[in-house]
N, C-alpha and C. Protein backbone atom coordinates (compact mmCIF):
# COMPACT_ATOMS: atom_id res chain seq x y z
N UNK A 1 97.48 102.93 25.33
CA UNK A 1 98.61 103.78 25.61
C UNK A 1 98.90 104.65 24.38
N UNK A 2 99.19 105.90 24.59
CA UNK A 2 99.50 106.83 23.53
C UNK A 2 100.91 106.59 22.98
N UNK A 3 101.11 106.89 21.72
CA UNK A 3 102.45 106.76 21.13
C UNK A 3 103.45 107.69 21.79
N UNK A 4 102.95 108.73 22.47
CA UNK A 4 103.84 109.67 23.13
C UNK A 4 103.94 109.44 24.64
N UNK A 5 103.52 108.27 25.09
CA UNK A 5 103.61 107.95 26.51
C UNK A 5 104.75 106.99 26.77
N UNK A 6 105.75 107.43 27.54
CA UNK A 6 106.83 106.51 27.88
C UNK A 6 106.35 105.47 28.89
N UNK A 7 107.01 104.34 28.91
CA UNK A 7 106.71 103.32 29.91
C UNK A 7 107.05 103.87 31.30
N UNK A 8 108.17 104.61 31.36
CA UNK A 8 108.61 105.25 32.61
C UNK A 8 109.24 106.59 32.28
N UNK A 9 109.28 107.46 33.29
CA UNK A 9 109.93 108.76 33.17
C UNK A 9 110.84 108.90 34.37
N UNK A 10 112.14 109.04 34.11
CA UNK A 10 113.16 109.02 35.17
C UNK A 10 114.04 110.26 35.04
N UNK A 11 114.49 110.79 36.16
CA UNK A 11 115.27 112.02 36.15
C UNK A 11 116.62 111.86 35.43
N UNK A 12 117.30 110.74 35.61
CA UNK A 12 118.61 110.52 34.98
C UNK A 12 118.77 109.05 34.64
N UNK A 13 119.51 108.78 33.61
CA UNK A 13 119.71 107.40 33.17
C UNK A 13 120.29 106.54 34.29
N UNK A 14 121.18 107.11 35.09
CA UNK A 14 121.82 106.34 36.17
C UNK A 14 120.84 105.92 37.27
N UNK A 15 119.65 106.50 37.29
CA UNK A 15 118.65 106.13 38.30
C UNK A 15 117.81 104.94 37.88
N UNK A 16 117.99 104.46 36.66
CA UNK A 16 117.24 103.29 36.20
C UNK A 16 117.85 102.06 36.85
N UNK A 17 117.04 101.33 37.56
CA UNK A 17 117.48 100.13 38.28
C UNK A 17 117.69 98.99 37.28
N UNK A 18 118.95 98.75 36.95
CA UNK A 18 119.27 97.73 35.96
C UNK A 18 118.94 96.32 36.44
N UNK A 19 119.10 96.07 37.72
CA UNK A 19 118.76 94.75 38.25
C UNK A 19 117.27 94.46 38.06
N UNK A 20 116.44 95.45 38.36
CA UNK A 20 114.99 95.28 38.19
C UNK A 20 114.63 95.16 36.71
N UNK A 21 115.31 95.91 35.86
CA UNK A 21 115.06 95.84 34.43
C UNK A 21 115.41 94.44 33.90
N UNK A 22 116.52 93.90 34.34
CA UNK A 22 116.93 92.56 33.92
C UNK A 22 115.95 91.51 34.45
N UNK A 23 115.53 91.68 35.70
CA UNK A 23 114.58 90.74 36.31
C UNK A 23 113.23 90.75 35.57
N UNK A 24 112.90 91.88 34.94
CA UNK A 24 111.63 91.98 34.21
C UNK A 24 111.71 91.34 32.82
N UNK A 25 112.88 90.81 32.46
CA UNK A 25 113.03 90.13 31.18
C UNK A 25 113.71 90.93 30.09
N UNK A 26 114.11 92.14 30.40
CA UNK A 26 114.81 92.95 29.39
C UNK A 26 116.25 92.45 29.26
N UNK A 27 116.73 92.40 28.01
CA UNK A 27 118.08 91.95 27.74
C UNK A 27 118.84 92.88 26.80
N UNK A 28 118.11 93.78 26.15
CA UNK A 28 118.71 94.70 25.18
C UNK A 28 118.31 96.13 25.51
N UNK A 29 119.31 97.01 25.56
CA UNK A 29 119.05 98.42 25.83
C UNK A 29 119.56 99.23 24.64
N UNK A 30 118.64 99.97 24.03
CA UNK A 30 118.97 100.88 22.95
C UNK A 30 118.99 102.27 23.56
N UNK A 31 120.06 103.00 23.33
CA UNK A 31 120.27 104.27 24.03
C UNK A 31 120.49 105.42 23.07
N UNK A 32 119.83 106.53 23.34
CA UNK A 32 120.09 107.76 22.62
C UNK A 32 121.43 108.32 23.11
N UNK A 33 122.09 109.13 22.29
CA UNK A 33 123.37 109.71 22.69
C UNK A 33 123.20 111.08 23.34
N UNK A 34 122.79 112.07 22.53
CA UNK A 34 122.81 113.47 22.96
C UNK A 34 121.80 113.76 24.06
N UNK A 35 122.30 114.23 25.17
CA UNK A 35 121.53 114.61 26.36
C UNK A 35 120.89 113.43 27.08
N UNK A 36 121.19 112.21 26.63
CA UNK A 36 120.81 111.01 27.37
C UNK A 36 122.07 110.43 27.99
N UNK A 37 123.04 110.08 27.15
CA UNK A 37 124.32 109.55 27.64
C UNK A 37 125.39 110.64 27.73
N UNK A 38 125.41 111.51 26.74
CA UNK A 38 126.43 112.56 26.65
C UNK A 38 125.74 113.91 26.64
N UNK A 39 126.06 114.79 27.60
CA UNK A 39 125.46 116.13 27.56
C UNK A 39 125.77 116.82 26.23
N UNK A 40 124.81 117.56 25.71
CA UNK A 40 124.95 118.20 24.41
C UNK A 40 126.12 119.18 24.38
N UNK A 41 126.52 119.71 25.53
CA UNK A 41 127.60 120.68 25.57
C UNK A 41 128.95 120.05 25.94
N UNK A 42 129.03 118.71 25.86
CA UNK A 42 130.28 117.99 26.16
C UNK A 42 130.52 116.96 25.07
N UNK A 43 131.69 116.37 25.09
CA UNK A 43 132.00 115.33 24.11
C UNK A 43 132.08 113.95 24.74
N UNK A 44 132.08 113.90 26.07
CA UNK A 44 132.17 112.61 26.75
C UNK A 44 131.05 112.47 27.77
N UNK A 45 130.71 111.24 28.05
CA UNK A 45 129.68 110.94 29.06
C UNK A 45 130.24 111.13 30.46
N UNK A 46 129.41 111.52 31.40
CA UNK A 46 129.85 111.59 32.79
C UNK A 46 130.29 110.21 33.29
N UNK A 47 131.18 110.19 34.26
CA UNK A 47 131.67 108.93 34.84
C UNK A 47 130.53 108.09 35.40
N UNK A 48 129.50 108.75 35.94
CA UNK A 48 128.37 108.00 36.51
C UNK A 48 127.61 107.23 35.44
N UNK A 49 127.53 107.79 34.25
CA UNK A 49 126.87 107.12 33.13
C UNK A 49 127.72 105.93 32.67
N UNK A 50 129.02 106.14 32.56
CA UNK A 50 129.92 105.05 32.16
C UNK A 50 129.85 103.90 33.16
N UNK A 51 129.81 104.21 34.44
CA UNK A 51 129.72 103.17 35.47
C UNK A 51 128.38 102.42 35.36
N UNK A 52 127.31 103.14 35.10
CA UNK A 52 125.99 102.52 34.93
C UNK A 52 126.01 101.55 33.75
N UNK A 53 126.63 101.96 32.65
CA UNK A 53 126.74 101.10 31.47
C UNK A 53 127.61 99.87 31.76
N UNK A 54 128.68 100.05 32.53
CA UNK A 54 129.51 98.91 32.93
C UNK A 54 128.69 97.90 33.72
N UNK A 55 127.86 98.39 34.62
CA UNK A 55 127.00 97.49 35.40
C UNK A 55 126.00 96.77 34.49
N UNK A 56 125.49 97.49 33.49
CA UNK A 56 124.55 96.86 32.54
C UNK A 56 125.23 95.68 31.84
N UNK A 57 126.45 95.89 31.40
CA UNK A 57 127.19 94.80 30.73
C UNK A 57 127.47 93.64 31.69
N UNK A 58 127.80 93.96 32.93
CA UNK A 58 128.05 92.92 33.94
C UNK A 58 126.82 92.04 34.14
N UNK A 59 125.65 92.65 34.05
CA UNK A 59 124.40 91.89 34.21
C UNK A 59 124.07 91.05 32.99
N UNK A 60 124.68 91.38 31.87
CA UNK A 60 124.42 90.62 30.65
C UNK A 60 123.61 91.36 29.60
N UNK A 61 123.37 92.65 29.80
CA UNK A 61 122.64 93.43 28.80
C UNK A 61 123.47 93.60 27.54
N UNK A 62 122.80 93.59 26.40
CA UNK A 62 123.38 93.98 25.12
C UNK A 62 123.03 95.45 24.93
N UNK A 63 123.98 96.25 24.47
CA UNK A 63 123.79 97.70 24.36
C UNK A 63 124.09 98.18 22.94
N UNK A 64 123.32 99.16 22.50
CA UNK A 64 123.61 99.83 21.24
C UNK A 64 123.12 101.27 21.33
N UNK A 65 123.92 102.18 20.79
CA UNK A 65 123.55 103.58 20.72
C UNK A 65 122.80 103.81 19.41
N UNK A 66 121.61 104.41 19.51
CA UNK A 66 120.81 104.73 18.32
C UNK A 66 120.55 106.24 18.38
N UNK A 67 121.30 106.96 17.55
CA UNK A 67 121.30 108.42 17.63
C UNK A 67 120.83 109.07 16.34
N UNK A 68 120.08 110.14 16.47
CA UNK A 68 119.71 110.94 15.30
C UNK A 68 120.87 111.82 14.84
N UNK A 69 121.88 111.96 15.67
CA UNK A 69 123.04 112.78 15.35
C UNK A 69 123.65 112.31 14.02
N UNK A 70 123.84 113.24 13.11
CA UNK A 70 124.36 112.92 11.78
C UNK A 70 125.89 112.92 11.72
N UNK A 71 126.53 113.33 12.78
CA UNK A 71 127.99 113.43 12.82
C UNK A 71 128.58 112.08 13.24
N UNK A 72 128.86 111.25 12.25
CA UNK A 72 129.33 109.89 12.49
C UNK A 72 130.53 109.87 13.43
N UNK A 73 131.48 110.80 13.26
CA UNK A 73 132.67 110.80 14.11
C UNK A 73 132.32 110.98 15.59
N UNK A 74 131.40 111.90 15.87
CA UNK A 74 130.98 112.14 17.26
C UNK A 74 130.33 110.90 17.85
N UNK A 75 129.41 110.32 17.11
CA UNK A 75 128.68 109.15 17.61
C UNK A 75 129.62 107.97 17.75
N UNK A 76 130.46 107.74 16.75
CA UNK A 76 131.41 106.61 16.80
C UNK A 76 132.37 106.76 17.96
N UNK A 77 132.84 107.96 18.20
CA UNK A 77 133.77 108.22 19.31
C UNK A 77 133.10 107.92 20.65
N UNK A 78 131.90 108.45 20.84
CA UNK A 78 131.18 108.21 22.10
C UNK A 78 130.88 106.72 22.29
N UNK A 79 130.41 106.08 21.23
CA UNK A 79 130.09 104.65 21.32
C UNK A 79 131.34 103.84 21.65
N UNK A 80 132.45 104.19 21.03
CA UNK A 80 133.70 103.50 21.32
C UNK A 80 134.15 103.68 22.75
N UNK A 81 134.09 104.92 23.24
CA UNK A 81 134.47 105.20 24.63
C UNK A 81 133.58 104.46 25.61
N UNK A 82 132.31 104.28 25.24
CA UNK A 82 131.34 103.64 26.14
C UNK A 82 131.21 102.15 25.87
N UNK A 83 131.95 101.64 24.90
CA UNK A 83 132.00 100.21 24.66
C UNK A 83 130.75 99.60 24.05
N UNK A 84 130.21 100.24 23.02
CA UNK A 84 129.01 99.69 22.39
C UNK A 84 129.00 99.99 20.90
N UNK A 85 128.20 99.24 20.17
CA UNK A 85 127.95 99.48 18.76
C UNK A 85 127.06 100.72 18.64
N UNK A 86 126.88 101.22 17.43
CA UNK A 86 126.08 102.43 17.25
C UNK A 86 125.41 102.45 15.89
N UNK A 87 124.37 103.27 15.83
CA UNK A 87 123.70 103.66 14.59
C UNK A 87 123.55 105.17 14.67
N UNK A 88 124.03 105.87 13.65
CA UNK A 88 123.84 107.33 13.65
C UNK A 88 122.91 107.71 12.51
N UNK A 89 122.39 108.92 12.55
CA UNK A 89 121.42 109.35 11.53
C UNK A 89 120.18 108.49 11.54
N UNK A 90 119.72 108.14 12.75
CA UNK A 90 118.63 107.16 12.92
C UNK A 90 117.27 107.63 12.41
N UNK A 91 117.06 108.92 12.32
CA UNK A 91 115.79 109.50 11.86
C UNK A 91 114.61 109.10 12.74
N UNK A 92 114.83 108.98 14.05
CA UNK A 92 113.71 108.75 14.95
C UNK A 92 112.79 109.96 14.87
N UNK A 93 111.52 109.82 14.86
CA UNK A 93 110.74 108.69 15.38
C UNK A 93 110.51 107.54 14.41
N UNK A 94 111.00 107.61 13.19
CA UNK A 94 110.86 106.43 12.32
C UNK A 94 111.49 105.24 13.05
N UNK A 95 110.83 104.11 13.07
CA UNK A 95 111.30 102.98 13.88
C UNK A 95 112.36 102.10 13.22
N UNK A 96 112.76 102.41 11.99
CA UNK A 96 113.63 101.51 11.23
C UNK A 96 114.99 101.28 11.90
N UNK A 97 115.65 102.34 12.34
CA UNK A 97 116.96 102.19 12.98
C UNK A 97 116.84 101.47 14.32
N UNK A 98 115.74 101.68 15.01
CA UNK A 98 115.51 101.00 16.29
C UNK A 98 115.37 99.50 16.05
N UNK A 99 114.59 99.15 15.04
CA UNK A 99 114.45 97.72 14.69
C UNK A 99 115.77 97.13 14.23
N UNK A 100 116.54 97.90 13.48
CA UNK A 100 117.86 97.46 13.04
C UNK A 100 118.77 97.22 14.25
N UNK A 101 118.70 98.12 15.22
CA UNK A 101 119.48 97.95 16.45
C UNK A 101 119.11 96.67 17.18
N UNK A 102 117.82 96.38 17.26
CA UNK A 102 117.39 95.13 17.91
C UNK A 102 117.91 93.92 17.15
N UNK A 103 117.87 93.98 15.83
CA UNK A 103 118.40 92.85 15.03
C UNK A 103 119.89 92.65 15.30
N UNK A 104 120.64 93.75 15.35
CA UNK A 104 122.08 93.65 15.62
C UNK A 104 122.35 92.99 16.98
N UNK A 105 121.47 93.27 17.92
CA UNK A 105 121.63 92.71 19.27
C UNK A 105 121.01 91.33 19.40
N UNK A 106 120.29 90.90 18.37
CA UNK A 106 119.61 89.60 18.44
C UNK A 106 118.48 89.60 19.43
N UNK A 107 117.79 90.74 19.55
CA UNK A 107 116.76 90.92 20.57
C UNK A 107 115.37 91.04 19.97
N UNK A 108 114.41 90.53 20.68
CA UNK A 108 112.99 90.67 20.34
C UNK A 108 112.43 91.92 21.01
N UNK A 109 111.34 92.47 20.49
CA UNK A 109 110.75 93.65 21.11
C UNK A 109 110.44 93.49 22.60
N UNK A 110 109.94 92.34 23.00
CA UNK A 110 109.56 92.15 24.41
C UNK A 110 110.75 92.22 25.36
N UNK A 111 111.95 91.97 24.86
CA UNK A 111 113.13 91.99 25.73
C UNK A 111 113.99 93.23 25.51
N UNK A 112 113.43 94.22 24.81
CA UNK A 112 114.16 95.43 24.47
C UNK A 112 113.54 96.66 25.12
N UNK A 113 114.38 97.66 25.37
CA UNK A 113 113.91 98.94 25.89
C UNK A 113 114.76 100.03 25.26
N UNK A 114 114.11 101.15 24.91
CA UNK A 114 114.82 102.31 24.39
C UNK A 114 114.81 103.38 25.46
N UNK A 115 115.97 103.97 25.70
CA UNK A 115 116.11 105.04 26.69
C UNK A 115 116.57 106.30 25.96
N UNK A 116 115.83 107.39 26.14
CA UNK A 116 116.19 108.64 25.50
C UNK A 116 115.59 109.83 26.21
N UNK A 117 116.00 111.02 25.78
CA UNK A 117 115.59 112.25 26.46
C UNK A 117 114.51 113.04 25.73
N UNK A 118 114.07 112.56 24.56
CA UNK A 118 113.08 113.34 23.81
C UNK A 118 111.80 112.55 23.57
N UNK A 119 110.71 113.18 23.89
CA UNK A 119 109.40 112.59 23.72
C UNK A 119 109.06 112.36 22.25
N UNK A 120 109.36 113.36 21.40
CA UNK A 120 108.92 113.31 20.01
C UNK A 120 109.86 112.56 19.08
N UNK A 121 110.98 112.09 19.57
CA UNK A 121 111.87 111.27 18.76
C UNK A 121 112.06 109.90 19.41
N UNK A 122 112.61 109.89 20.61
CA UNK A 122 112.95 108.63 21.26
C UNK A 122 111.73 107.82 21.70
N UNK A 123 110.85 108.45 22.44
CA UNK A 123 109.67 107.74 22.96
C UNK A 123 108.75 107.34 21.81
N UNK A 124 108.46 108.27 20.95
CA UNK A 124 107.58 107.98 19.82
C UNK A 124 108.18 106.88 18.95
N UNK A 125 109.47 106.97 18.65
CA UNK A 125 110.13 105.97 17.84
C UNK A 125 110.15 104.59 18.48
N UNK A 126 110.47 104.54 19.78
CA UNK A 126 110.46 103.26 20.49
C UNK A 126 109.07 102.65 20.53
N UNK A 127 108.08 103.47 20.78
CA UNK A 127 106.70 102.96 20.81
C UNK A 127 106.27 102.46 19.43
N UNK A 128 106.67 103.17 18.37
CA UNK A 128 106.36 102.71 17.01
C UNK A 128 107.05 101.37 16.70
N UNK A 129 108.23 101.17 17.29
CA UNK A 129 108.96 99.91 17.09
C UNK A 129 108.41 98.79 17.97
N UNK A 130 107.47 99.12 18.85
CA UNK A 130 106.83 98.10 19.68
C UNK A 130 107.62 97.70 20.91
N UNK A 131 108.47 98.62 21.40
CA UNK A 131 109.26 98.30 22.60
C UNK A 131 108.96 99.28 23.72
N UNK A 132 109.31 98.87 24.93
CA UNK A 132 109.16 99.77 26.07
C UNK A 132 110.11 100.95 25.92
N UNK A 133 109.70 102.08 26.48
CA UNK A 133 110.52 103.28 26.41
C UNK A 133 110.68 103.88 27.80
N UNK A 134 111.86 104.39 28.05
CA UNK A 134 112.12 105.12 29.29
C UNK A 134 112.61 106.50 28.90
N UNK A 135 111.87 107.50 29.29
CA UNK A 135 112.24 108.88 29.04
C UNK A 135 113.06 109.38 30.22
N UNK A 136 114.18 110.03 29.92
CA UNK A 136 114.98 110.66 30.97
C UNK A 136 115.02 112.16 30.70
N UNK A 137 115.19 112.92 31.75
CA UNK A 137 115.35 114.37 31.56
C UNK A 137 116.66 114.63 30.83
N UNK A 138 116.69 115.65 29.98
CA UNK A 138 117.95 115.97 29.30
C UNK A 138 119.01 116.37 30.32
N UNK A 139 120.27 116.02 30.02
CA UNK A 139 121.36 116.31 30.95
C UNK A 139 121.71 117.79 31.01
N UNK A 140 121.37 118.53 29.98
CA UNK A 140 121.66 119.96 29.94
C UNK A 140 120.56 120.67 29.17
N UNK A 141 120.49 121.98 29.32
CA UNK A 141 119.50 122.76 28.57
C UNK A 141 120.02 123.14 27.18
N UNK A 142 121.27 122.82 26.90
CA UNK A 142 121.84 123.10 25.59
C UNK A 142 121.24 122.12 24.58
N UNK A 143 120.66 122.64 23.51
CA UNK A 143 120.01 121.83 22.49
C UNK A 143 120.16 122.52 21.15
N UNK A 144 119.92 121.78 20.09
CA UNK A 144 119.85 122.37 18.76
C UNK A 144 118.62 123.27 18.72
N UNK A 145 118.62 124.26 17.83
CA UNK A 145 117.53 125.23 17.82
C UNK A 145 116.18 124.57 17.62
N UNK A 146 116.09 123.57 16.75
CA UNK A 146 114.80 122.95 16.50
C UNK A 146 114.38 122.04 17.65
N UNK A 147 115.34 121.49 18.35
CA UNK A 147 115.00 120.69 19.54
C UNK A 147 114.43 121.59 20.63
N UNK A 148 114.93 122.82 20.73
CA UNK A 148 114.40 123.77 21.71
C UNK A 148 112.92 124.03 21.46
N UNK A 149 112.52 124.06 20.20
CA UNK A 149 111.10 124.27 19.88
C UNK A 149 110.29 123.06 20.34
N UNK A 150 110.78 121.85 20.04
CA UNK A 150 110.09 120.64 20.48
C UNK A 150 109.98 120.59 22.01
N UNK A 151 111.00 121.10 22.69
CA UNK A 151 110.99 121.06 24.17
C UNK A 151 109.83 121.86 24.74
N UNK A 152 109.42 122.92 24.08
CA UNK A 152 108.27 123.71 24.55
C UNK A 152 107.02 122.83 24.62
N UNK A 153 106.77 122.10 23.54
CA UNK A 153 105.61 121.21 23.48
C UNK A 153 105.79 120.01 24.41
N UNK A 154 107.01 119.56 24.53
CA UNK A 154 107.32 118.43 25.40
C UNK A 154 107.00 118.77 26.86
N UNK A 155 107.41 119.96 27.30
CA UNK A 155 107.11 120.36 28.68
C UNK A 155 105.61 120.35 28.96
N UNK A 156 104.83 120.81 28.01
CA UNK A 156 103.36 120.78 28.18
C UNK A 156 102.85 119.36 28.27
N UNK A 157 103.35 118.49 27.41
CA UNK A 157 102.89 117.09 27.38
C UNK A 157 103.28 116.35 28.66
N UNK A 158 104.38 116.75 29.27
CA UNK A 158 104.90 116.03 30.44
C UNK A 158 104.49 116.63 31.77
N UNK A 159 103.79 117.74 31.76
CA UNK A 159 103.54 118.46 33.02
C UNK A 159 102.81 117.64 34.07
N UNK A 160 102.01 116.67 33.69
CA UNK A 160 101.29 115.86 34.68
C UNK A 160 101.86 114.45 34.84
N UNK A 161 102.98 114.19 34.17
CA UNK A 161 103.60 112.87 34.27
C UNK A 161 104.64 112.89 35.38
N UNK A 162 104.46 112.06 36.40
CA UNK A 162 105.43 112.05 37.50
C UNK A 162 106.79 111.51 37.05
N UNK A 163 107.83 112.13 37.52
CA UNK A 163 109.19 111.75 37.17
C UNK A 163 109.84 111.10 38.40
N UNK A 164 110.39 109.90 38.19
CA UNK A 164 111.07 109.20 39.28
C UNK A 164 112.42 109.90 39.53
N UNK A 165 112.61 110.32 40.75
CA UNK A 165 113.85 111.03 41.11
C UNK A 165 114.89 110.08 41.64
């Protein structure tokens, strides 16, 4: 498997079947913030995302936000609203913050999954950390200028990968 190949590719985070994920042995979910949980052009997550996270907690999942976003206040606010711990300035694809997140959750790689919207940060970082990765489509087309450049290459890399709707 390539370092840039997600375990799964899903249209939206809310479409990930948490019951099936739990049944497969996963117990820890590491989540990206921007355009995965919270649209880049908003400050709060959609209600559907919050409900999905509530269901994850009901099932017994441990959750942590692992974000490259350097704005601690933004990340802390979102994590607080969504009821989870966080790591900001993660520097993904470097796997260090992802491994730190797993340690905080008391989780092993085999029982962990990282969910994010970027191939070159989230998927690559999760794969380097030795955990399963689920790529989701970004919630909005609004991105930082340098992320827009990565998206060009990302679209090419993903053109033949089927996305679960």
